Structure formats: structure tokens, C-alpha cells
Amino acid sequence: MKTMIERIAILGTGLLGTSVGLALRAAGFEGTITGWNRGAEGAQAALKMGAIDSIAADGAEAARAAQVTVLAVPIYATLDWMEKLAGVLGPEQHQGSDCRGGGAVVQYA
């Protein structure tokens, strides 16, 4: 029996996180997308564009409630978030959820 994903958390609603939310909607995802961003402006912009359904006050709590968590934070913050989430997610989340990272590295000339 295939489990349908109903709840996704996107931690980091900048360009990458907002793009993931918009792509999910374009692909027909009908579940709930919760976004968290360090700065309120990024989360508000993602909400206004329809990339997320709600803004979480706490990223770790959003991840705990989600079946899939997308880490769209700066590459240097990814390990910090993985450590935070390891202490927050219980066995039930580890069995039925997934955490994906999508950091980007830019080289400036």
C-alpha cells in the first residue's frame, strides 16, 4: 500500500525553497506546504506567491509535523539544521518521513 504525502515543510523560503513550493503546486501536489524562513520577508513573499500555505514560527516544529522536510537553507546551515532535526524528530518521523537538502554553492569571480 502506497502512502500519500500530505504534509511538507520547506525550511528556507528564499529562491530555492520558494521554487520547490511552486514546482510542487505546478506538479499537482494538493497537500499542505508549511514554510519557515529566518527572515519574515522571505516567508511572506513565498506565501503571497502561493509556494506555501502557512508560515511556521519554528522550523523544527514544522519539520516534526511534516512527512517530508526540504532543507533549502544556505549550504553552511545545512549541517546545523540536520543536527537540530536529529534531536527533534522521533522514531515515527524517521520511519515515515524524509528530509532532503538542496543547498547551492555559488562561486564569484
Protein backbone atom coordinates (compact mmCIF):
# COMPACT_ATOMS: atom_id res chain seq x y z
CA MET A 1 0.00 0.00 0.00
CA LYS A 2 1.48 3.32 -1.06
CA THR A 3 1.39 6.17 1.47
CA MET A 4 0.42 9.53 0.02
CA ILE A 5 2.37 12.56 1.18
CA GLU A 6 0.07 15.16 2.70
CA ARG A 7 2.41 17.45 4.69
CA ILE A 8 5.65 19.04 3.50
CA ALA A 9 7.83 21.54 5.37
CA ILE A 10 10.21 23.80 3.48
CA LEU A 11 12.89 25.25 5.73
CA GLY A 12 14.26 28.25 3.89
CA THR A 13 11.82 30.10 1.66
CA GLY A 14 14.28 32.05 -0.42
CA LEU A 15 14.73 31.46 -4.14
CA LEU A 16 15.34 27.72 -3.86
CA GLY A 17 12.65 26.92 -1.26
CA THR A 18 10.01 29.04 -2.97
CA SER A 19 10.86 27.40 -6.30
CA VAL A 20 10.37 23.97 -4.74
CA GLY A 21 6.98 25.00 -3.38
CA LEU A 22 5.88 26.43 -6.72
CA ALA A 23 7.10 23.30 -8.54
CA LEU A 24 5.15 21.08 -6.15
CA ARG A 25 1.98 23.07 -6.86
CA ALA A 26 2.62 23.02 -10.62
CA ALA A 27 3.02 19.23 -10.42
CA GLY A 28 -0.38 18.95 -8.74
CA PHE A 29 0.58 18.49 -5.08
CA GLU A 30 -2.60 19.13 -3.11
CA GLY A 31 -1.30 18.65 0.43
CA THR A 32 -0.17 21.25 2.92
CA ILE A 33 3.14 23.08 2.49
CA THR A 34 4.44 24.88 5.55
CA GLY A 35 7.35 27.28 5.15
CA TRP A 36 9.87 28.66 7.58
CA ASN A 37 12.46 31.33 6.92
CA ARG A 38 14.95 33.10 9.16
CA GLY A 39 13.67 36.45 7.88
CA ALA A 40 9.95 37.21 7.76
CA GLU A 41 10.13 38.88 4.32
CA GLY A 42 11.16 35.68 2.53
CA ALA A 43 8.37 33.67 4.11
CA GLN A 44 5.79 36.38 3.37
CA ALA A 45 6.86 36.50 -0.29
CA ALA A 46 6.57 32.69 -0.60
CA LEU A 47 3.11 32.81 0.97
CA LYS A 48 1.98 35.61 -1.32
CA MET A 49 3.19 33.67 -4.40
CA GLY A 50 1.35 30.53 -3.32
CA ALA A 51 4.51 28.46 -2.79
CA ILE A 52 3.49 27.73 0.81
CA ASP A 53 0.17 27.58 2.65
CA SER A 54 1.35 28.84 6.03
CA ILE A 55 4.38 30.26 7.80
CA ALA A 56 5.84 28.37 10.75
CA ALA A 57 7.25 30.27 13.70
CA ASP A 58 9.64 27.39 14.43
CA GLY A 59 11.34 25.40 11.69
CA ALA A 60 11.98 22.37 13.89
CA GLU A 61 8.29 22.16 14.83
CA ALA A 62 7.32 22.44 11.17
CA ALA A 63 9.65 19.53 10.37
CA ARG A 64 8.23 17.48 13.22
CA ALA A 65 4.70 17.88 11.81
CA ALA A 66 5.73 17.14 8.21
CA GLN A 67 6.12 13.87 6.35
CA VAL A 68 8.79 15.38 4.11
CA THR A 69 11.15 18.20 5.04
CA VAL A 70 13.08 20.16 2.41
CA LEU A 71 16.19 21.97 3.64
CA ALA A 72 16.62 24.97 1.37
CA VAL A 73 18.95 26.91 3.62
CA PRO A 74 22.47 28.21 2.88
CA ILE A 75 24.91 25.34 2.48
CA TYR A 76 26.75 26.19 5.71
CA ALA A 77 23.50 26.00 7.69
CA THR A 78 22.53 22.56 6.37
CA LEU A 79 24.62 20.59 8.87
CA ASP A 80 23.32 22.72 11.75
CA TRP A 81 19.75 22.00 10.67
CA MET A 82 20.46 18.28 10.34
CA GLU A 83 21.79 18.25 13.90
CA LYS A 84 18.74 20.18 15.17
CA LEU A 85 16.32 17.87 13.38
CA ALA A 86 18.07 14.71 14.60
CA GLY A 87 17.22 15.78 18.14
CA VAL A 88 13.64 16.76 17.32
CA LEU A 89 12.36 14.04 15.02
CA GLY A 90 11.25 10.90 16.80
CA PRO A 91 11.26 7.30 15.58
CA GLU A 92 7.83 7.77 13.99
CA GLN A 93 9.16 10.60 11.79
CA HIS A 94 12.28 8.66 10.86
CA GLN A 95 10.18 5.71 9.67
CA GLY A 96 7.58 7.64 7.71
CA SER A 97 9.26 10.87 6.72
CA ASP A 98 12.05 12.09 4.54
CA CYS A 99 14.44 15.01 4.79
CA ARG A 100 16.04 16.44 1.66
CA GLY A 101 18.70 19.11 1.30
CA GLY A 102 19.02 21.45 -1.62
CA GLY A 103 21.81 23.86 -0.84
CA ALA A 104 23.53 25.81 -3.54
CA VAL A 105 27.13 26.90 -3.78
CA VAL A 106 27.95 29.96 -5.88
CA GLN A 107 31.45 30.91 -6.97
CA TYR A 108 32.00 34.61 -7.50
CA ALA A 109 34.62 35.73 -9.99
